[in-house]
Amino acid sequence: MKAALNGVPSLSVLDGWWVEGWIEGVTGWAIEGSGDPTGLTEAESLYQKLAKAVLPTFYGQPEHYAEVMRASIALNGSFFNTQRMVTQYLTNAYAPKTHLMAELEVTHGN
């Protein structure tokens, strides 16, 4: 996630935050795989993605690669950050408990 703030497009398997932040060829590229324990499918996908998408864009279409970098900052860097994470965590985890505690205090007179 930190790399997105610096304009680094992601090239990764679809797990964690990348499932939500991935827009193929816009914010980066996904390495596909079937969960094969040997990792062969993912390795093949990695090499294919590098050969057919990432490297041709980087070396042959630098303007387009710069667009992917900007999209990475604009879309992923602006959304996947600590401020949003803490706010969401407080809203989803602490706020309901705080509200419930206040209701209990009113109900039980504590």
PDB file of N, CA and C in Angstrom:
ATOM      1  N   MET A   1       0.818  -1.183   0.000  1.00  0.00           N
ATOM      2  CA  MET A   1       0.000   0.000   0.000  1.00  0.00           C
ATOM      3  C   MET A   1       0.867   1.254   0.000  1.00  0.00           C
ATOM      4  N   LYS A   2       1.980   1.208   0.730  1.00  0.00           N
ATOM      5  CA  LYS A   2       2.856   2.372   0.795  1.00  0.00           C
ATOM      6  C   LYS A   2       3.431   2.692  -0.585  1.00  0.00           C
ATOM      7  N   ALA A   3       3.696   1.669  -1.352  1.00  0.00           N
ATOM      8  CA  ALA A   3       4.255   1.887  -2.687  1.00  0.00           C
ATOM      9  C   ALA A   3       3.287   2.665  -3.572  1.00  0.00           C
ATOM     10  N   ALA A   4       1.986   2.439  -3.407  1.00  0.00           N
ATOM     11  CA  ALA A   4       0.986   3.144  -4.218  1.00  0.00           C
ATOM     12  C   ALA A   4       1.085   4.648  -4.016  1.00  0.00           C
ATOM     13  N   LEU A   5       1.404   5.091  -2.806  1.00  0.00           N
ATOM     14  CA  LEU A   5       1.557   6.529  -2.537  1.00  0.00           C
ATOM     15  C   LEU A   5       2.717   7.132  -3.312  1.00  0.00           C
ATOM     16  N   ASN A   6       3.664   6.289  -3.696  1.00  0.00           N
ATOM     17  CA  ASN A   6       4.827   6.747  -4.457  1.00  0.00           C
ATOM     18  C   ASN A   6       4.685   6.465  -5.946  1.00  0.00           C
ATOM     19  N   GLY A   7       3.489   6.062  -6.373  1.00  0.00           N
ATOM     20  CA  GLY A   7       3.245   5.845  -7.791  1.00  0.00           C
ATOM     21  C   GLY A   7       3.763   4.538  -8.328  1.00  0.00           C
ATOM     22  N   VAL A   8       3.906   3.547  -7.475  1.00  0.00           N
ATOM     23  CA  VAL A   8       4.392   2.238  -7.911  1.00  0.00           C
ATOM     24  C   VAL A   8       3.196   1.339  -8.192  1.00  0.00           C
ATOM     25  N   PRO A   9       2.978   0.983  -9.457  1.00  0.00           N
ATOM     26  CA  PRO A   9       1.884   0.063  -9.764  1.00  0.00           C
ATOM     27  C   PRO A   9       2.165  -1.309  -9.150  1.00  0.00           C
ATOM     28  N   SER A  10       1.123  -1.988  -8.742  1.00  0.00           N
ATOM     29  CA  SER A  10       1.288  -3.304  -8.131  1.00  0.00           C
ATOM     30  C   SER A  10       1.246  -4.408  -9.178  1.00  0.00           C
ATOM     31  N   LEU A  11       2.009  -5.442  -8.925  1.00  0.00           N
ATOM     32  CA  LEU A  11       1.981  -6.676  -9.697  1.00  0.00           C
ATOM     33  C   LEU A  11       2.000  -7.772  -8.649  1.00  0.00           C
ATOM     34  N   SER A  12       0.818  -8.307  -8.341  1.00  0.00           N
ATOM     35  CA  SER A  12       0.722  -9.218  -7.207  1.00  0.00           C
ATOM     36  C   SER A  12      -0.451 -10.165  -7.373  1.00  0.00           C
ATOM     37  N   VAL A  13      -0.454 -11.207  -6.540  1.00  0.00           N
ATOM     38  CA  VAL A  13      -1.595 -12.123  -6.491  1.00  0.00           C
ATOM     39  C   VAL A  13      -2.767 -11.388  -5.858  1.00  0.00           C
ATOM     40  N   LEU A  14      -3.953 -11.840  -6.169  1.00  0.00           N
ATOM     41  CA  LEU A  14      -5.153 -11.187  -5.662  1.00  0.00           C
ATOM     42  C   LEU A  14      -5.476 -11.666  -4.249  1.00  0.00           C
ATOM     43  N   ASP A  15      -4.889 -10.987  -3.281  1.00  0.00           N
ATOM     44  CA  ASP A  15      -5.217 -11.253  -1.886  1.00  0.00           C
ATOM     45  C   ASP A  15      -5.072  -9.947  -1.114  1.00  0.00           C
ATOM     46  N   GLY A  16      -5.571  -9.949   0.110  1.00  0.00           N
ATOM     47  CA  GLY A  16      -5.476  -8.756   0.945  1.00  0.00           C
ATOM     48  C   GLY A  16      -6.142  -7.551   0.312  1.00  0.00           C
ATOM     49  N   TRP A  17      -5.510  -6.398   0.457  1.00  0.00           N
ATOM     50  CA  TRP A  17      -6.078  -5.150  -0.051  1.00  0.00           C
ATOM     51  C   TRP A  17      -6.082  -5.103  -1.582  1.00  0.00           C
ATOM     52  N   TRP A  18      -5.213  -5.877  -2.228  1.00  0.00           N
ATOM     53  CA  TRP A  18      -5.088  -5.826  -3.679  1.00  0.00           C
ATOM     54  C   TRP A  18      -6.363  -6.304  -4.380  1.00  0.00           C
ATOM     55  N   VAL A  19      -7.140  -7.156  -3.727  1.00  0.00           N
ATOM     56  CA  VAL A  19      -8.417  -7.593  -4.297  1.00  0.00           C
ATOM     57  C   VAL A  19      -9.315  -6.377  -4.527  1.00  0.00           C
ATOM     58  N   GLU A  20      -9.301  -5.440  -3.584  1.00  0.00           N
ATOM     59  CA  GLU A  20     -10.137  -4.251  -3.690  1.00  0.00           C
ATOM     60  C   GLU A  20      -9.502  -3.172  -4.556  1.00  0.00           C
ATOM     61  N   GLY A  21      -8.189  -3.069  -4.557  1.00  0.00           N
ATOM     62  CA  GLY A  21      -7.506  -1.988  -5.262  1.00  0.00           C
ATOM     63  C   GLY A  21      -7.124  -2.297  -6.696  1.00  0.00           C
ATOM     64  N   TRP A  22      -7.294  -3.534  -7.108  1.00  0.00           N
ATOM     65  CA  TRP A  22      -6.861  -3.966  -8.441  1.00  0.00           C
ATOM     66  C   TRP A  22      -7.839  -3.566  -9.525  1.00  0.00           C
ATOM     67  N   ILE A  23      -7.328  -2.810 -10.488  1.00  0.00           N
ATOM     68  CA  ILE A  23      -8.029  -2.549 -11.744  1.00  0.00           C
ATOM     69  C   ILE A  23      -6.989  -2.846 -12.821  1.00  0.00           C
ATOM     70  N   GLU A  24      -7.173  -3.951 -13.496  1.00  0.00           N
ATOM     71  CA  GLU A  24      -6.165  -4.463 -14.437  1.00  0.00           C
ATOM     72  C   GLU A  24      -5.733  -3.401 -15.442  1.00  0.00           C
ATOM     73  N   GLY A  25      -4.412  -3.145 -15.473  1.00  0.00           N
ATOM     74  CA  GLY A  25      -3.840  -2.194 -16.409  1.00  0.00           C
ATOM     75  C   GLY A  25      -4.084  -0.740 -16.046  1.00  0.00           C
ATOM     76  N   VAL A  26      -4.794  -0.495 -14.951  1.00  0.00           N
ATOM     77  CA  VAL A  26      -5.067   0.880 -14.512  1.00  0.00           C
ATOM     78  C   VAL A  26      -4.285   1.191 -13.241  1.00  0.00           C
ATOM     79  N   THR A  27      -4.396   0.334 -12.229  1.00  0.00           N
ATOM     80  CA  THR A  27      -3.647   0.526 -10.985  1.00  0.00           C
ATOM     81  C   THR A  27      -2.504  -0.476 -10.855  1.00  0.00           C
ATOM     82  N   GLY A  28      -2.420  -1.387 -11.793  1.00  0.00           N
ATOM     83  CA  GLY A  28      -1.385  -2.413 -11.780  1.00  0.00           C
ATOM     84  C   GLY A  28      -1.884  -3.659 -12.470  1.00  0.00           C
ATOM     85  N   TRP A  29      -1.297  -4.798 -12.126  1.00  0.00           N
ATOM     86  CA  TRP A  29      -1.628  -6.049 -12.788  1.00  0.00           C
ATOM     87  C   TRP A  29      -1.744  -7.174 -11.769  1.00  0.00           C
ATOM     88  N   ALA A  30      -2.619  -8.110 -12.051  1.00  0.00           N
ATOM     89  CA  ALA A  30      -2.828  -9.244 -11.145  1.00  0.00           C
ATOM     90  C   ALA A  30      -2.090 -10.470 -11.650  1.00  0.00           C
ATOM     91  N   ILE A  31      -1.510 -11.198 -10.721  1.00  0.00           N
ATOM     92  CA  ILE A  31      -0.921 -12.496 -11.012  1.00  0.00           C
ATOM     93  C   ILE A  31      -2.002 -13.513 -10.682  1.00  0.00           C
ATOM     94  N   GLU A  32      -2.394 -14.263 -11.666  1.00  0.00           N
ATOM     95  CA  GLU A  32      -3.466 -15.226 -11.470  1.00  0.00           C
ATOM     96  C   GLU A  32      -2.880 -16.567 -11.075  1.00  0.00           C
ATOM     97  N   GLY A  33      -3.664 -17.318 -10.343  1.00  0.00           N
ATOM     98  CA  GLY A  33      -3.216 -18.635  -9.920  1.00  0.00           C
ATOM     99  C   GLY A  33      -4.383 -19.416  -9.379  1.00  0.00           C
ATOM    100  N   SER A  34      -4.223 -20.705  -9.342  1.00  0.00           N
ATOM    101  CA  SER A  34      -5.321 -21.561  -8.903  1.00  0.00           C
ATOM    102  C   SER A  34      -5.111 -22.086  -7.488  1.00  0.00           C
ATOM    103  N   GLY A  35      -4.160 -21.537  -6.773  1.00  0.00           N
ATOM    104  CA  GLY A  35      -3.872 -22.054  -5.442  1.00  0.00           C
ATOM    105  C   GLY A  35      -3.040 -23.329  -5.482  1.00  0.00           C
ATOM    106  N   ASP A  36      -2.428 -23.602  -6.615  1.00  0.00           N
ATOM    107  CA  ASP A  36      -1.559 -24.769  -6.763  1.00  0.00           C
ATOM    108  C   ASP A  36      -0.425 -24.676  -5.746  1.00  0.00           C
ATOM    109  N   PRO A  37      -0.269 -25.667  -4.875  1.00  0.00           N
ATOM    110  CA  PRO A  37       0.768 -25.589  -3.836  1.00  0.00           C
ATOM    111  C   PRO A  37       2.190 -25.484  -4.396  1.00  0.00           C
ATOM    112  N   THR A  38       2.405 -25.924  -5.636  1.00  0.00           N
ATOM    113  CA  THR A  38       3.747 -25.809  -6.216  1.00  0.00           C
ATOM    114  C   THR A  38       4.024 -24.390  -6.687  1.00  0.00           C
ATOM    115  N   GLY A  39       2.974 -23.582  -6.875  1.00  0.00           N
ATOM    116  CA  GLY A  39       3.147 -22.209  -7.331  1.00  0.00           C
ATOM    117  C   GLY A  39       3.431 -22.083  -8.812  1.00  0.00           C
ATOM    118  N   LEU A  40       3.359 -23.196  -9.552  1.00  0.00           N
ATOM    119  CA  LEU A  40       3.687 -23.141 -10.975  1.00  0.00           C
ATOM    120  C   LEU A  40       2.735 -22.259 -11.758  1.00  0.00           C
ATOM    121  N   THR A  41       1.446 -22.335 -11.472  1.00  0.00           N
ATOM    122  CA  THR A  41       0.485 -21.526 -12.200  1.00  0.00           C
ATOM    123  C   THR A  41       0.751 -20.045 -11.963  1.00  0.00           C
ATOM    124  N   GLU A  42       1.019 -19.678 -10.711  1.00  0.00           N
ATOM    125  CA  GLU A  42       1.310 -18.288 -10.398  1.00  0.00           C
ATOM    126  C   GLU A  42       2.616 -17.840 -11.043  1.00  0.00           C
ATOM    127  N   ALA A  43       3.616 -18.702 -11.057  1.00  0.00           N
ATOM    128  CA  ALA A  43       4.894 -18.360 -11.676  1.00  0.00           C
ATOM    129  C   ALA A  43       4.714 -18.136 -13.175  1.00  0.00           C
ATOM    130  N   GLU A  44       3.948 -19.020 -13.816  1.00  0.00           N
ATOM    131  CA  GLU A  44       3.689 -18.856 -15.244  1.00  0.00           C
ATOM    132  C   GLU A  44       2.941 -17.558 -15.510  1.00  0.00           C
ATOM    133  N   SER A  45       1.962 -17.256 -14.673  1.00  0.00           N
ATOM    134  CA  SER A  45       1.197 -16.020 -14.819  1.00  0.00           C
ATOM    135  C   SER A  45       2.085 -14.798 -14.624  1.00  0.00           C
ATOM    136  N   LEU A  46       2.978 -14.865 -13.650  1.00  0.00           N
ATOM    137  CA  LEU A  46       3.904 -13.762 -13.404  1.00  0.00           C
ATOM    138  C   LEU A  46       4.757 -13.488 -14.642  1.00  0.00           C
ATOM    139  N   TYR A  47       5.361 -14.528 -15.192  1.00  0.00           N
ATOM    140  CA  TYR A  47       6.222 -14.336 -16.365  1.00  0.00           C
ATOM    141  C   TYR A  47       5.434 -13.848 -17.579  1.00  0.00           C
ATOM    142  N   GLN A  48       4.224 -14.379 -17.769  1.00  0.00           N
ATOM    143  CA  GLN A  48       3.370 -13.931 -18.874  1.00  0.00           C
ATOM    144  C   GLN A  48       3.000 -12.452 -18.713  1.00  0.00           C
ATOM    145  N   LYS A  49       2.621 -12.072 -17.492  1.00  0.00           N
ATOM    146  CA  LYS A  49       2.210 -10.690 -17.235  1.00  0.00           C
ATOM    147  C   LYS A  49       3.377  -9.732 -17.440  1.00  0.00           C
ATOM    148  N   LEU A  50       4.565 -10.141 -16.980  1.00  0.00           N
ATOM    149  CA  LEU A  50       5.749  -9.308 -17.196  1.00  0.00           C
ATOM    150  C   LEU A  50       6.054  -9.166 -18.690  1.00  0.00           C
ATOM    151  N   ALA A  51       6.032 -10.292 -19.403  1.00  0.00           N
ATOM    152  CA  ALA A  51       6.412 -10.286 -20.820  1.00  0.00           C
ATOM    153  C   ALA A  51       5.399  -9.587 -21.716  1.00  0.00           C
ATOM    154  N   LYS A  52       4.110  -9.718 -21.398  1.00  0.00           N
ATOM    155  CA  LYS A  52       3.081  -9.216 -22.321  1.00  0.00           C
ATOM    156  C   LYS A  52       2.431  -7.905 -21.887  1.00  0.00           C
ATOM    157  N   ALA A  53       2.589  -7.506 -20.612  1.00  0.00           N
ATOM    158  CA  ALA A  53       1.908  -6.295 -20.160  1.00  0.00           C
ATOM    159  C   ALA A  53       2.857  -5.288 -19.509  1.00  0.00           C
ATOM    160  N   VAL A  54       3.533  -5.695 -18.462  1.00  0.00           N
ATOM    161  CA  VAL A  54       4.301  -4.743 -17.670  1.00  0.00           C
ATOM    162  C   VAL A  54       5.507  -4.197 -18.426  1.00  0.00           C
ATOM    163  N   LEU A  55       6.381  -5.076 -18.889  1.00  0.00           N
ATOM    164  CA  LEU A  55       7.598  -4.610 -19.558  1.00  0.00           C
ATOM    165  C   LEU A  55       7.320  -3.886 -20.879  1.00  0.00           C
ATOM    166  N   PRO A  56       6.394  -4.382 -21.740  1.00  0.00           N
ATOM    167  CA  PRO A  56       6.089  -3.611 -22.953  1.00  0.00           C
ATOM    168  C   PRO A  56       5.526  -2.220 -22.645  1.00  0.00           C
ATOM    169  N   THR A  57       4.761  -2.110 -21.578  1.00  0.00           N
ATOM    170  CA  THR A  57       4.223  -0.804 -21.201  1.00  0.00           C
ATOM    171  C   THR A  57       5.330   0.091 -20.664  1.00  0.00           C
ATOM    172  N   PHE A  58       6.153  -0.451 -19.791  1.00  0.00           N
ATOM    173  CA  PHE A  58       7.234   0.327 -19.187  1.00  0.00           C
ATOM    174  C   PHE A  58       8.217   0.842 -20.243  1.00  0.00           C
ATOM    175  N   TYR A  59       8.650  -0.054 -21.137  1.00  0.00           N
ATOM    176  CA  TYR A  59       9.657   0.332 -22.122  1.00  0.00           C
ATOM    177  C   TYR A  59       9.068   0.905 -23.410  1.00  0.00           C
ATOM    178  N   GLY A  60       7.902   0.423 -23.831  1.00  0.00           N
ATOM    179  CA  GLY A  60       7.360   0.829 -25.125  1.00  0.00           C
ATOM    180  C   GLY A  60       6.304   1.918 -25.076  1.00  0.00           C
ATOM    181  N   GLN A  61       5.643   2.079 -23.935  1.00  0.00           N
ATOM    182  CA  GLN A  61       4.585   3.076 -23.800  1.00  0.00           C
ATOM    183  C   GLN A  61       4.771   3.837 -22.482  1.00  0.00           C
ATOM    184  N   PRO A  62       5.837   4.601 -22.376  1.00  0.00           N
ATOM    185  CA  PRO A  62       6.113   5.265 -21.100  1.00  0.00           C
ATOM    186  C   PRO A  62       4.999   6.220 -20.656  1.00  0.00           C
ATOM    187  N   GLU A  63       4.289   6.820 -21.616  1.00  0.00           N
ATOM    188  CA  GLU A  63       3.183   7.709 -21.246  1.00  0.00           C
ATOM    189  C   GLU A  63       2.065   6.919 -20.567  1.00  0.00           C
ATOM    190  N   HIS A  64       1.771   5.742 -21.111  1.00  0.00           N
ATOM    191  CA  HIS A  64       0.737   4.900 -20.517  1.00  0.00           C
ATOM    192  C   HIS A  64       1.183   4.387 -19.152  1.00  0.00           C
ATOM    193  N   TYR A  65       2.456   4.019 -19.025  1.00  0.00           N
ATOM    194  CA  TYR A  65       2.962   3.562 -17.735  1.00  0.00           C
ATOM    195  C   TYR A  65       2.845   4.683 -16.699  1.00  0.00           C
ATOM    196  N   ALA A  66       3.119   5.923 -17.124  1.00  0.00           N
ATOM    197  CA  ALA A  66       2.975   7.068 -16.216  1.00  0.00           C
ATOM    198  C   ALA A  66       1.518   7.246 -15.808  1.00  0.00           C
ATOM    199  N   GLU A  67       0.584   6.960 -16.715  1.00  0.00           N
ATOM    200  CA  GLU A  67      -0.844   7.017 -16.373  1.00  0.00           C
ATOM    201  C   GLU A  67      -1.186   5.973 -15.310  1.00  0.00           C
ATOM    202  N   VAL A  68      -0.618   4.782 -15.441  1.00  0.00           N
ATOM    203  CA  VAL A  68      -0.842   3.732 -14.442  1.00  0.00           C
ATOM    204  C   VAL A  68      -0.266   4.184 -13.100  1.00  0.00           C
ATOM    205  N   MET A  69       0.891   4.825 -13.126  1.00  0.00           N
ATOM    206  CA  MET A  69       1.481   5.340 -11.893  1.00  0.00           C
ATOM    207  C   MET A  69       0.568   6.379 -11.241  1.00  0.00           C
ATOM    208  N   ARG A  70       0.047   7.300 -12.049  1.00  0.00           N
ATOM    209  CA  ARG A  70      -0.844   8.331 -11.509  1.00  0.00           C
ATOM    210  C   ARG A  70      -2.134   7.722 -10.968  1.00  0.00           C
ATOM    211  N   ALA A  71      -2.668   6.731 -11.673  1.00  0.00           N
ATOM    212  CA  ALA A  71      -3.893   6.062 -11.204  1.00  0.00           C
ATOM    213  C   ALA A  71      -3.634   5.318  -9.895  1.00  0.00           C
ATOM    214  N   SER A  72      -2.453   4.757  -9.764  1.00  0.00           N
ATOM    215  CA  SER A  72      -2.092   4.072  -8.524  1.00  0.00           C
ATOM    216  C   SER A  72      -2.119   5.046  -7.349  1.00  0.00           C
ATOM    217  N   ILE A  73      -1.582   6.232  -7.559  1.00  0.00           N
ATOM    218  CA  ILE A  73      -1.603   7.257  -6.503  1.00  0.00           C
ATOM    219  C   ILE A  73      -3.030   7.724  -6.252  1.00  0.00           C
ATOM    220  N   ALA A  74      -3.737   8.057  -7.324  1.00  0.00           N
ATOM    221  CA  ALA A  74      -5.072   8.648  -7.193  1.00  0.00           C
ATOM    222  C   ALA A  74      -6.083   7.683  -6.593  1.00  0.00           C
ATOM    223  N   LEU A  75      -6.086   6.445  -7.045  1.00  0.00           N
ATOM    224  CA  LEU A  75      -7.098   5.501  -6.598  1.00  0.00           C
ATOM    225  C   LEU A  75      -6.673   4.735  -5.351  1.00  0.00           C
ATOM    226  N   ASN A  76      -5.515   4.113  -5.392  1.00  0.00           N
ATOM    227  CA  ASN A  76      -5.095   3.275  -4.262  1.00  0.00           C
ATOM    228  C   ASN A  76      -4.426   4.073  -3.153  1.00  0.00           C
ATOM    229  N   GLY A  77      -3.571   5.002  -3.531  1.00  0.00           N
ATOM    230  CA  GLY A  77      -2.884   5.804  -2.522  1.00  0.00           C
ATOM    231  C   GLY A  77      -3.835   6.660  -1.712  1.00  0.00           C
ATOM    232  N   SER A  78      -4.889   7.141  -2.350  1.00  0.00           N
ATOM    233  CA  SER A  78      -5.829   8.008  -1.638  1.00  0.00           C
ATOM    234  C   SER A  78      -6.820   7.215  -0.793  1.00  0.00           C
ATOM    235  N   PHE A  79      -7.064   5.955  -1.119  1.00  0.00           N
ATOM    236  CA  PHE A  79      -8.060   5.176  -0.388  1.00  0.00           C
ATOM    237  C   PHE A  79      -7.443   4.240   0.641  1.00  0.00           C
ATOM    238  N   PHE A  80      -6.382   3.541   0.276  1.00  0.00           N
ATOM    239  CA  PHE A  80      -5.760   2.568   1.178  1.00  0.00           C
ATOM    240  C   PHE A  80      -4.673   3.274   1.988  1.00  0.00           C
ATOM    241  N   ASN A  81      -5.104   3.954   3.037  1.00  0.00           N
ATOM    242  CA  ASN A  81      -4.173   4.691   3.875  1.00  0.00           C
ATOM    243  C   ASN A  81      -4.555   4.527   5.339  1.00  0.00           C
ATOM    244  N   THR A  82      -3.662   4.909   6.217  1.00  0.00           N
ATOM    245  CA  THR A  82      -3.866   4.707   7.646  1.00  0.00           C
ATOM    246  C   THR A  82      -5.034   5.520   8.186  1.00  0.00           C
ATOM    247  N   GLN A  83      -5.209   6.734   7.688  1.00  0.00           N
ATOM    248  CA  GLN A  83      -6.300   7.567   8.184  1.00  0.00           C
ATOM    249  C   GLN A  83      -7.653   6.898   7.936  1.00  0.00           C
ATOM    250  N   ARG A  84      -7.877   6.405   6.723  1.00  0.00           N
ATOM    251  CA  ARG A  84      -9.135   5.740   6.416  1.00  0.00           C
ATOM    252  C   ARG A  84      -9.281   4.458   7.234  1.00  0.00           C
ATOM    253  N   MET A  85      -8.183   3.720   7.388  1.00  0.00           N
ATOM    254  CA  MET A  85      -8.225   2.465   8.126  1.00  0.00           C
ATOM    255  C   MET A  85      -8.610   2.698   9.585  1.00  0.00           C
ATOM    256  N   VAL A  86      -7.986   3.684  10.227  1.00  0.00           N
ATOM    257  CA  VAL A  86      -8.288   3.959  11.634  1.00  0.00           C
ATOM    258  C   VAL A  86      -9.717   4.459  11.782  1.00  0.00           C
ATOM    259  N   THR A  87     -10.141   5.352  10.890  1.00  0.00           N
ATOM    260  CA  THR A  87     -11.511   5.862  10.938  1.00  0.00           C
ATOM    261  C   THR A  87     -12.515   4.725  10.774  1.00  0.00           C
ATOM    262  N   GLN A  88     -12.275   3.865   9.816  1.00  0.00           N
ATOM    263  CA  GLN A  88     -13.177   2.736   9.586  1.00  0.00           C
ATOM    264  C   GLN A  88     -13.164   1.779  10.781  1.00  0.00           C
ATOM    265  N   TYR A  89     -12.008   1.545  11.341  1.00  0.00           N
ATOM    266  CA  TYR A  89     -11.897   0.656  12.495  1.00  0.00           C
ATOM    267  C   TYR A  89     -12.655   1.239  13.691  1.00  0.00           C
ATOM    268  N   LEU A  90     -12.469   2.533  13.928  1.00  0.00           N
ATOM    269  CA  LEU A  90     -13.173   3.181  15.038  1.00  0.00           C
ATOM    270  C   LEU A  90     -14.687   3.122  14.835  1.00  0.00           C
ATOM    271  N   THR A  91     -15.121   3.394  13.626  1.00  0.00           N
ATOM    272  CA  THR A  91     -16.554   3.385  13.330  1.00  0.00           C
ATOM    273  C   THR A  91     -17.148   1.992  13.473  1.00  0.00           C
ATOM    274  N   ASN A  92     -16.456   0.999  12.956  1.00  0.00           N
ATOM    275  CA  ASN A  92     -17.007  -0.360  12.954  1.00  0.00           C
ATOM    276  C   ASN A  92     -16.768  -1.133  14.242  1.00  0.00           C
ATOM    277  N   ALA A  93     -15.672  -0.850  14.931  1.00  0.00           N
ATOM    278  CA  ALA A  93     -15.334  -1.642  16.113  1.00  0.00           C
ATOM    279  C   ALA A  93     -15.652  -0.923  17.422  1.00  0.00           C
ATOM    280  N   TYR A  94     -15.239   0.334  17.537  1.00  0.00           N
ATOM    281  CA  TYR A  94     -15.398   1.025  18.806  1.00  0.00           C
ATOM    282  C   TYR A  94     -16.730   1.756  18.944  1.00  0.00           C
ATOM    283  N   ALA A  95     -17.187   2.411  17.900  1.00  0.00           N
ATOM    284  CA  ALA A  95     -18.425   3.192  17.993  1.00  0.00           C
ATOM    285  C   ALA A  95     -19.617   2.330  18.418  1.00  0.00           C
ATOM    286  N   PRO A  96     -19.815   1.151  17.846  1.00  0.00           N
ATOM    287  CA  PRO A  96     -20.945   0.329  18.309  1.00  0.00           C
ATOM    288  C   PRO A  96     -20.834  -0.033  19.794  1.00  0.00           C
ATOM    289  N   LYS A  97     -19.618  -0.332  20.262  1.00  0.00           N
ATOM    290  CA  LYS A  97     -19.423  -0.669  21.676  1.00  0.00           C
ATOM    291  C   LYS A  97     -19.701   0.546  22.563  1.00  0.00           C
ATOM    292  N   THR A  98     -19.217   1.701  22.152  1.00  0.00           N
ATOM    293  CA  THR A  98     -19.423   2.920  22.921  1.00  0.00           C
ATOM    294  C   THR A  98     -20.905   3.230  23.024  1.00  0.00           C
ATOM    295  N   HIS A  99     -21.615   3.092  21.927  1.00  0.00           N
ATOM    296  CA  HIS A  99     -23.053   3.331  21.905  1.00  0.00           C
ATOM    297  C   HIS A  99     -23.768   2.330  22.815  1.00  0.00           C
ATOM    298  N   LEU A 100     -23.377   1.084  22.735  1.00  0.00           N
ATOM    299  CA  LEU A 100     -23.977   0.047  23.569  1.00  0.00           C
ATOM    300  C   LEU A 100     -23.694   0.306  25.046  1.00  0.00           C
ATOM    301  N   MET A 101     -22.459   0.709  25.375  1.00  0.00           N
ATOM    302  CA  MET A 101     -22.096   1.001  26.765  1.00  0.00           C
ATOM    303  C   MET A 101     -22.931   2.164  27.297  1.00  0.00           C
ATOM    304  N   ALA A 102     -23.137   3.197  26.482  1.00  0.00           N
ATOM    305  CA  ALA A 102     -23.948   4.339  26.898  1.00  0.00           C
ATOM    306  C   ALA A 102     -25.388   3.905  27.162  1.00  0.00           C
ATOM    307  N   GLU A 103     -25.923   3.042  26.319  1.00  0.00           N
ATOM    308  CA  GLU A 103     -27.287   2.544  26.512  1.00  0.00           C
ATOM    309  C   GLU A 103     -27.391   1.734  27.803  1.00  0.00           C
ATOM    310  N   LEU A 104     -26.377   0.923  28.077  1.00  0.00           N
ATOM    311  CA  LEU A 104     -26.386   0.127  29.303  1.00  0.00           C
ATOM    312  C   LEU A 104     -26.331   1.017  30.540  1.00  0.00           C
ATOM    313  N   GLU A 105     -25.522   2.073  30.468  1.00  0.00           N
ATOM    314  CA  GLU A 105     -25.425   2.996  31.606  1.00  0.00           C
ATOM    315  C   GLU A 105     -26.756   3.681  31.871  1.00  0.00           C
ATOM    316  N   VAL A 106     -27.433   4.103  30.820  1.00  0.00           N
ATOM    317  CA  VAL A 106     -28.732   4.755  30.965  1.00  0.00           C
ATOM    318  C   VAL A 106     -29.762   3.777  31.512  1.00  0.00           C
ATOM    319  N   THR A 107     -29.755   2.557  30.995  1.00  0.00           N
ATOM    320  CA  THR A 107     -30.731   1.551  31.393  1.00  0.00           C
ATOM    321  C   THR A 107     -30.515   1.100  32.838  1.00  0.00           C
ATOM    322  N   HIS A 108     -29.251   0.925  33.224  1.00  0.00           N
ATOM    323  CA  HIS A 108     -28.961   0.381  34.561  1.00  0.00           C
ATOM    324  C   HIS A 108     -28.591   1.461  35.573  1.00  0.00           C
ATOM    325  N   GLY A 109     -28.589   2.714  35.155  1.00  0.00           N
ATOM    326  CA  GLY A 109     -28.327   3.823  36.060  1.00  0.00           C
ATOM    327  C   GLY A 109     -26.912   3.906  36.584  1.00  0.00           C
ATOM    328  N   ASN A 110     -25.938   3.400  35.845  1.00  0.00           N
ATOM    329  CA  ASN A 110     -24.537   3.471  36.285  1.00  0.00           C
ATOM    330  C   ASN A 110     -23.908   4.746  35.840  1.00  0.00           C
TER     331      ASN A 110
END
